[in-house]
Amino acid sequence: MMNVIELHPDTAIDLYSTAHSLLMQQGENAVDMLRNEAQLLRDNSQAEEDLYACIELLRVVNELIDMEIGGPVH
């Protein structure tokens, strides 16, 4: 399992690349993993920056899943 705390995407490209890699490694489990990680960060009052990075990554993972379900753009 990837350690979300270590992920600090600096640009949109990094964020989408990280989300794609996470989906490739974890599949649909990536959503649950990120939700659990975000809850852990909330419960432990960890650094807000890590929590926001996790939530943003979760948003992008969901966006990529929605795009995959939607099918080809063309």
PDB file of N, CA and C in Angstrom:
ATOM      1  N   MET A   1       0.838  -1.176   0.000  1.00  0.00           N
ATOM      2  CA  MET A   1       0.000   0.000   0.000  1.00  0.00           C
ATOM      3  C   MET A   1       0.885   1.242   0.000  1.00  0.00           C
ATOM      4  N   MET A   2       0.481   2.216  -0.771  1.00  0.00           N
ATOM      5  CA  MET A   2       1.251   3.455  -0.841  1.00  0.00           C
ATOM      6  C   MET A   2       1.001   4.282   0.411  1.00  0.00           C
ATOM      7  N   ASN A   3       1.988   5.031   0.815  1.00  0.00           N
ATOM      8  CA  ASN A   3       1.838   5.925   1.950  1.00  0.00           C
ATOM      9  C   ASN A   3       1.443   7.295   1.411  1.00  0.00           C
ATOM     10  N   VAL A   4       0.204   7.659   1.593  1.00  0.00           N
ATOM     11  CA  VAL A   4      -0.321   8.902   1.033  1.00  0.00           C
ATOM     12  C   VAL A   4       0.406  10.106   1.596  1.00  0.00           C
ATOM     13  N   ILE A   5       0.857  10.006   2.830  1.00  0.00           N
ATOM     14  CA  ILE A   5       1.537  11.137   3.462  1.00  0.00           C
ATOM     15  C   ILE A   5       2.786  11.530   2.673  1.00  0.00           C
ATOM     16  N   GLU A   6       3.384  10.575   1.992  1.00  0.00           N
ATOM     17  CA  GLU A   6       4.586  10.870   1.222  1.00  0.00           C
ATOM     18  C   GLU A   6       4.281  11.531  -0.119  1.00  0.00           C
ATOM     19  N   LEU A   7       3.025  11.584  -0.503  1.00  0.00           N
ATOM     20  CA  LEU A   7       2.653  12.152  -1.791  1.00  0.00           C
ATOM     21  C   LEU A   7       2.393  13.636  -1.632  1.00  0.00           C
ATOM     22  N   HIS A   8       3.192  14.435  -2.282  1.00  0.00           N
ATOM     23  CA  HIS A   8       3.004  15.887  -2.247  1.00  0.00           C
ATOM     24  C   HIS A   8       3.041  16.422  -3.673  1.00  0.00           C
ATOM     25  N   PRO A   9       1.966  16.187  -4.427  1.00  0.00           N
ATOM     26  CA  PRO A   9       1.953  16.654  -5.814  1.00  0.00           C
ATOM     27  C   PRO A   9       2.038  18.176  -5.888  1.00  0.00           C
ATOM     28  N   ASP A  10       2.965  18.665  -6.685  1.00  0.00           N
ATOM     29  CA  ASP A  10       3.181  20.100  -6.807  1.00  0.00           C
ATOM     30  C   ASP A  10       2.414  20.728  -7.955  1.00  0.00           C
ATOM     31  N   THR A  11       2.064  19.937  -8.943  1.00  0.00           N
ATOM     32  CA  THR A  11       1.359  20.473 -10.099  1.00  0.00           C
ATOM     33  C   THR A  11       0.193  19.563 -10.439  1.00  0.00           C
ATOM     34  N   ALA A  12      -0.692  20.046 -11.295  1.00  0.00           N
ATOM     35  CA  ALA A  12      -1.825  19.230 -11.722  1.00  0.00           C
ATOM     36  C   ALA A  12      -1.339  17.968 -12.424  1.00  0.00           C
ATOM     37  N   ILE A  13      -0.278  18.078 -13.199  1.00  0.00           N
ATOM     38  CA  ILE A  13       0.256  16.908 -13.900  1.00  0.00           C
ATOM     39  C   ILE A  13       0.721  15.874 -12.880  1.00  0.00           C
ATOM     40  N   ASP A  14       1.425  16.298 -11.848  1.00  0.00           N
ATOM     41  CA  ASP A  14       1.866  15.376 -10.803  1.00  0.00           C
ATOM     42  C   ASP A  14       0.674  14.741 -10.100  1.00  0.00           C
ATOM     43  N   LEU A  15      -0.342  15.518  -9.847  1.00  0.00           N
ATOM     44  CA  LEU A  15      -1.524  15.025  -9.156  1.00  0.00           C
ATOM     45  C   LEU A  15      -2.215  13.946  -9.981  1.00  0.00           C
ATOM     46  N   TYR A  16      -2.425  14.206 -11.254  1.00  0.00           N
ATOM     47  CA  TYR A  16      -3.080  13.220 -12.107  1.00  0.00           C
ATOM     48  C   TYR A  16      -2.201  12.000 -12.326  1.00  0.00           C
ATOM     49  N   SER A  17      -0.912  12.207 -12.453  1.00  0.00           N
ATOM     50  CA  SER A  17       0.024  11.095 -12.599  1.00  0.00           C
ATOM     51  C   SER A  17       0.024  10.218 -11.351  1.00  0.00           C
ATOM     52  N   THR A  18       0.016  10.848 -10.190  1.00  0.00           N
ATOM     53  CA  THR A  18      -0.011  10.115  -8.926  1.00  0.00           C
ATOM     54  C   THR A  18      -1.319   9.346  -8.789  1.00  0.00           C
ATOM     55  N   ALA A  19      -2.434   9.988  -9.130  1.00  0.00           N
ATOM     56  CA  ALA A  19      -3.740   9.329  -9.049  1.00  0.00           C
ATOM     57  C   ALA A  19      -3.802   8.144 -10.002  1.00  0.00           C
ATOM     58  N   HIS A  20      -3.275   8.315 -11.202  1.00  0.00           N
ATOM     59  CA  HIS A  20      -3.269   7.224 -12.175  1.00  0.00           C
ATOM     60  C   HIS A  20      -2.428   6.063 -11.670  1.00  0.00           C
ATOM     61  N   SER A  21      -1.263   6.350 -11.134  1.00  0.00           N
ATOM     62  CA  SER A  21      -0.397   5.297 -10.597  1.00  0.00           C
ATOM     63  C   SER A  21      -1.081   4.561  -9.452  1.00  0.00           C
ATOM     64  N   LEU A  22      -1.741   5.310  -8.604  1.00  0.00           N
ATOM     65  CA  LEU A  22      -2.445   4.719  -7.477  1.00  0.00           C
ATOM     66  C   LEU A  22      -3.550   3.784  -7.967  1.00  0.00           C
ATOM     67  N   LEU A  23      -4.296   4.213  -8.984  1.00  0.00           N
ATOM     68  CA  LEU A  23      -5.348   3.364  -9.548  1.00  0.00           C
ATOM     69  C   LEU A  23      -4.768   2.119 -10.195  1.00  0.00           C
ATOM     70  N   MET A  24      -3.648   2.265 -10.875  1.00  0.00           N
ATOM     71  CA  MET A  24      -3.020   1.113 -11.524  1.00  0.00           C
ATOM     72  C   MET A  24      -2.559   0.094 -10.484  1.00  0.00           C
ATOM     73  N   GLN A  25      -2.093   0.555  -9.346  1.00  0.00           N
ATOM     74  CA  GLN A  25      -1.594  -0.342  -8.309  1.00  0.00           C
ATOM     75  C   GLN A  25      -2.702  -0.909  -7.427  1.00  0.00           C
ATOM     76  N   GLN A  26      -3.684  -0.089  -7.089  1.00  0.00           N
ATOM     77  CA  GLN A  26      -4.698  -0.489  -6.110  1.00  0.00           C
ATOM     78  C   GLN A  26      -6.073  -0.779  -6.715  1.00  0.00           C
ATOM     79  N   GLY A  27      -6.274  -0.356  -7.953  1.00  0.00           N
ATOM     80  CA  GLY A  27      -7.591  -0.530  -8.558  1.00  0.00           C
ATOM     81  C   GLY A  27      -8.637   0.276  -7.808  1.00  0.00           C
ATOM     82  N   GLU A  28      -9.828  -0.267  -7.728  1.00  0.00           N
ATOM     83  CA  GLU A  28     -10.908   0.439  -7.041  1.00  0.00           C
ATOM     84  C   GLU A  28     -10.666   0.540  -5.541  1.00  0.00           C
ATOM     85  N   ASN A  29      -9.750  -0.245  -5.016  1.00  0.00           N
ATOM     86  CA  ASN A  29      -9.398  -0.163  -3.596  1.00  0.00           C
ATOM     87  C   ASN A  29      -8.737   1.172  -3.266  1.00  0.00           C
ATOM     88  N   ALA A  30      -8.275   1.874  -4.282  1.00  0.00           N
ATOM     89  CA  ALA A  30      -7.614   3.165  -4.063  1.00  0.00           C
ATOM     90  C   ALA A  30      -8.555   4.152  -3.372  1.00  0.00           C
ATOM     91  N   VAL A  31      -9.824   4.118  -3.730  1.00  0.00           N
ATOM     92  CA  VAL A  31     -10.796   5.046  -3.135  1.00  0.00           C
ATOM     93  C   VAL A  31     -10.927   4.765  -1.641  1.00  0.00           C
ATOM     94  N   ASP A  32     -11.112   3.501  -1.294  1.00  0.00           N
ATOM     95  CA  ASP A  32     -11.246   3.145   0.123  1.00  0.00           C
ATOM     96  C   ASP A  32      -9.972   3.458   0.889  1.00  0.00           C
ATOM     97  N   MET A  33      -8.842   3.172   0.280  1.00  0.00           N
ATOM     98  CA  MET A  33      -7.570   3.437   0.932  1.00  0.00           C
ATOM     99  C   MET A  33      -7.404   4.927   1.230  1.00  0.00           C
ATOM    100  N   LEU A  34      -7.738   5.775   0.256  1.00  0.00           N
ATOM    101  CA  LEU A  34      -7.614   7.217   0.449  1.00  0.00           C
ATOM    102  C   LEU A  34      -8.621   7.740   1.463  1.00  0.00           C
ATOM    103  N   ARG A  35      -9.836   7.208   1.446  1.00  0.00           N
ATOM    104  CA  ARG A  35     -10.836   7.614   2.447  1.00  0.00           C
ATOM    105  C   ARG A  35     -10.360   7.258   3.853  1.00  0.00           C
ATOM    106  N   ASN A  36      -9.835   6.044   3.996  1.00  0.00           N
ATOM    107  CA  ASN A  36      -9.323   5.618   5.306  1.00  0.00           C
ATOM    108  C   ASN A  36      -8.151   6.482   5.755  1.00  0.00           C
ATOM    109  N   GLU A  37      -7.276   6.783   4.813  1.00  0.00           N
ATOM    110  CA  GLU A  37      -6.114   7.616   5.135  1.00  0.00           C
ATOM    111  C   GLU A  37      -6.554   9.017   5.564  1.00  0.00           C
ATOM    112  N   ALA A  38      -7.521   9.576   4.847  1.00  0.00           N
ATOM    113  CA  ALA A  38      -8.028  10.913   5.193  1.00  0.00           C
ATOM    114  C   ALA A  38      -8.665  10.897   6.584  1.00  0.00           C
ATOM    115  N   GLN A  39      -9.425   9.848   6.876  1.00  0.00           N
ATOM    116  CA  GLN A  39     -10.053   9.749   8.196  1.00  0.00           C
ATOM    117  C   GLN A  39      -8.999   9.627   9.293  1.00  0.00           C
ATOM    118  N   LEU A  40      -7.958   8.846   9.032  1.00  0.00           N
ATOM    119  CA  LEU A  40      -6.853   8.720   9.992  1.00  0.00           C
ATOM    120  C   LEU A  40      -6.186  10.065  10.243  1.00  0.00           C
ATOM    121  N   LEU A  41      -5.967  10.805   9.166  1.00  0.00           N
ATOM    122  CA  LEU A  41      -5.346  12.120   9.301  1.00  0.00           C
ATOM    123  C   LEU A  41      -6.247  13.069  10.097  1.00  0.00           C
ATOM    124  N   ARG A  42      -7.552  12.998   9.860  1.00  0.00           N
ATOM    125  CA  ARG A  42      -8.494  13.835  10.621  1.00  0.00           C
ATOM    126  C   ARG A  42      -8.489  13.448  12.101  1.00  0.00           C
ATOM    127  N   ASP A  43      -8.581  12.151  12.340  1.00  0.00           N
ATOM    128  CA  ASP A  43      -8.659  11.651  13.720  1.00  0.00           C
ATOM    129  C   ASP A  43      -7.404  11.964  14.522  1.00  0.00           C
ATOM    130  N   ASN A  44      -6.269  11.912  13.870  1.00  0.00           N
ATOM    131  CA  ASN A  44      -4.994  12.131  14.558  1.00  0.00           C
ATOM    132  C   ASN A  44      -4.546  13.583  14.520  1.00  0.00           C
ATOM    133  N   SER A  45      -5.392  14.445  13.980  1.00  0.00           N
ATOM    134  CA  SER A  45      -5.066  15.874  13.870  1.00  0.00           C
ATOM    135  C   SER A  45      -3.690  16.088  13.244  1.00  0.00           C
ATOM    136  N   GLN A  46      -3.432  15.356  12.176  1.00  0.00           N
ATOM    137  CA  GLN A  46      -2.165  15.478  11.468  1.00  0.00           C
ATOM    138  C   GLN A  46      -2.115  16.807  10.703  1.00  0.00           C
ATOM    139  N   ALA A  47      -1.013  17.061  10.106  1.00  0.00           N
ATOM    140  CA  ALA A  47      -0.809  18.301   9.353  1.00  0.00           C
ATOM    141  C   ALA A  47      -1.914  18.485   8.311  1.00  0.00           C
ATOM    142  N   GLU A  48      -2.468  19.670   8.287  1.00  0.00           N
ATOM    143  CA  GLU A  48      -3.540  19.958   7.333  1.00  0.00           C
ATOM    144  C   GLU A  48      -3.077  19.782   5.896  1.00  0.00           C
ATOM    145  N   GLU A  49      -1.829  20.080   5.632  1.00  0.00           N
ATOM    146  CA  GLU A  49      -1.307  19.951   4.270  1.00  0.00           C
ATOM    147  C   GLU A  49      -1.424  18.504   3.785  1.00  0.00           C
ATOM    148  N   ASP A  50      -1.119  17.543   4.642  1.00  0.00           N
ATOM    149  CA  ASP A  50      -1.227  16.134   4.271  1.00  0.00           C
ATOM    150  C   ASP A  50      -2.682  15.742   4.051  1.00  0.00           C
ATOM    151  N   LEU A  51      -3.561  16.234   4.910  1.00  0.00           N
ATOM    152  CA  LEU A  51      -4.979  15.937   4.768  1.00  0.00           C
ATOM    153  C   LEU A  51      -5.512  16.506   3.460  1.00  0.00           C
ATOM    154  N   TYR A  52      -5.182  17.752   3.149  1.00  0.00           N
ATOM    155  CA  TYR A  52      -5.665  18.362   1.911  1.00  0.00           C
ATOM    156  C   TYR A  52      -5.098  17.660   0.681  1.00  0.00           C
ATOM    157  N   ALA A  53      -3.852  17.218   0.747  1.00  0.00           N
ATOM    158  CA  ALA A  53      -3.257  16.470  -0.370  1.00  0.00           C
ATOM    159  C   ALA A  53      -3.993  15.154  -0.573  1.00  0.00           C
ATOM    160  N   CYS A  54      -4.326  14.497   0.511  1.00  0.00           N
ATOM    161  CA  CYS A  54      -5.053  13.228   0.442  1.00  0.00           C
ATOM    162  C   CYS A  54      -6.445  13.432  -0.141  1.00  0.00           C
ATOM    163  N   ILE A  55      -7.143  14.457   0.313  1.00  0.00           N
ATOM    164  CA  ILE A  55      -8.494  14.738  -0.180  1.00  0.00           C
ATOM    165  C   ILE A  55      -8.457  15.114  -1.660  1.00  0.00           C
ATOM    166  N   GLU A  56      -7.484  15.899  -2.046  1.00  0.00           N
ATOM    167  CA  GLU A  56      -7.360  16.289  -3.457  1.00  0.00           C
ATOM    168  C   GLU A  56      -7.045  15.069  -4.322  1.00  0.00           C
ATOM    169  N   LEU A  57      -6.201  14.199  -3.825  1.00  0.00           N
ATOM    170  CA  LEU A  57      -5.870  12.975  -4.551  1.00  0.00           C
ATOM    171  C   LEU A  57      -7.106  12.089  -4.677  1.00  0.00           C
ATOM    172  N   LEU A  58      -7.905  12.012  -3.643  1.00  0.00           N
ATOM    173  CA  LEU A  58      -9.146  11.254  -3.682  1.00  0.00           C
ATOM    174  C   LEU A  58     -10.088  11.828  -4.736  1.00  0.00           C
ATOM    175  N   ARG A  59     -10.172  13.150  -4.809  1.00  0.00           N
ATOM    176  CA  ARG A  59     -11.021  13.795  -5.819  1.00  0.00           C
ATOM    177  C   ARG A  59     -10.588  13.419  -7.227  1.00  0.00           C
ATOM    178  N   VAL A  60      -9.283  13.441  -7.465  1.00  0.00           N
ATOM    179  CA  VAL A  60      -8.767  13.137  -8.805  1.00  0.00           C
ATOM    180  C   VAL A  60      -8.940  11.655  -9.134  1.00  0.00           C
ATOM    181  N   VAL A  61      -8.737  10.780  -8.157  1.00  0.00           N
ATOM    182  CA  VAL A  61      -8.960   9.347  -8.386  1.00  0.00           C
ATOM    183  C   VAL A  61     -10.415   9.123  -8.795  1.00  0.00           C
ATOM    184  N   ASN A  62     -11.344   9.736  -8.078  1.00  0.00           N
ATOM    185  CA  ASN A  62     -12.764   9.604  -8.445  1.00  0.00           C
ATOM    186  C   ASN A  62     -13.036  10.170  -9.836  1.00  0.00           C
ATOM    187  N   GLU A  63     -12.395  11.263 -10.153  1.00  0.00           N
ATOM    188  CA  GLU A  63     -12.557  11.871 -11.482  1.00  0.00           C
ATOM    189  C   GLU A  63     -12.063  10.920 -12.570  1.00  0.00           C
ATOM    190  N   LEU A  64     -10.916  10.292 -12.349  1.00  0.00           N
ATOM    191  CA  LEU A  64     -10.382   9.349 -13.332  1.00  0.00           C
ATOM    192  C   LEU A  64     -11.283   8.119 -13.469  1.00  0.00           C
ATOM    193  N   ILE A  65     -11.849   7.658 -12.369  1.00  0.00           N
ATOM    194  CA  ILE A  65     -12.785   6.532 -12.430  1.00  0.00           C
ATOM    195  C   ILE A  65     -14.015   6.924 -13.237  1.00  0.00           C
ATOM    196  N   ASP A  66     -14.552   8.107 -12.988  1.00  0.00           N
ATOM    197  CA  ASP A  66     -15.709   8.590 -13.747  1.00  0.00           C
ATOM    198  C   ASP A  66     -15.398   8.695 -15.233  1.00  0.00           C
ATOM    199  N   MET A  67     -14.199   9.153 -15.560  1.00  0.00           N
ATOM    200  CA  MET A  67     -13.802   9.258 -16.963  1.00  0.00           C
ATOM    201  C   MET A  67     -13.722   7.874 -17.597  1.00  0.00           C
ATOM    202  N   GLU A  68     -13.224   6.917 -16.869  1.00  0.00           N
ATOM    203  CA  GLU A  68     -13.100   5.548 -17.392  1.00  0.00           C
ATOM    204  C   GLU A  68     -14.484   4.943 -17.622  1.00  0.00           C
ATOM    205  N   ILE A  69     -15.390   5.177 -16.702  1.00  0.00           N
ATOM    206  CA  ILE A  69     -16.753   4.660 -16.832  1.00  0.00           C
ATOM    207  C   ILE A  69     -17.456   5.320 -18.009  1.00  0.00           C
ATOM    208  N   GLY A  70     -17.180   6.616 -18.224  1.00  0.00           N
ATOM    209  CA  GLY A  70     -17.814   7.358 -19.308  1.00  0.00           C
ATOM    210  C   GLY A  70     -17.409   6.898 -20.701  1.00  0.00           C
ATOM    211  N   GLY A  71     -16.282   6.239 -20.784  1.00  0.00           N
ATOM    212  CA  GLY A  71     -15.827   5.731 -22.071  1.00  0.00           C
ATOM    213  C   GLY A  71     -15.026   6.765 -22.841  1.00  0.00           C
ATOM    214  N   PRO A  72     -14.699   6.434 -24.076  1.00  0.00           N
ATOM    215  CA  PRO A  72     -13.866   7.304 -24.910  1.00  0.00           C
ATOM    216  C   PRO A  72     -14.508   8.670 -25.127  1.00  0.00           C
ATOM    217  N   VAL A  73     -13.660   9.682 -25.183  1.00  0.00           N
ATOM    218  CA  VAL A  73     -14.132  11.043 -25.390  1.00  0.00           C
ATOM    219  C   VAL A  73     -14.568  11.242 -26.843  1.00  0.00           C
ATOM    220  N   HIS A  74     -13.911  10.620 -27.760  1.00  0.00           N
ATOM    221  CA  HIS A  74     -14.224  10.817 -29.175  1.00  0.00           C
ATOM    222  C   HIS A  74     -15.267   9.857 -29.576  1.00  0.00           C
TER     223      HIS A  74
END
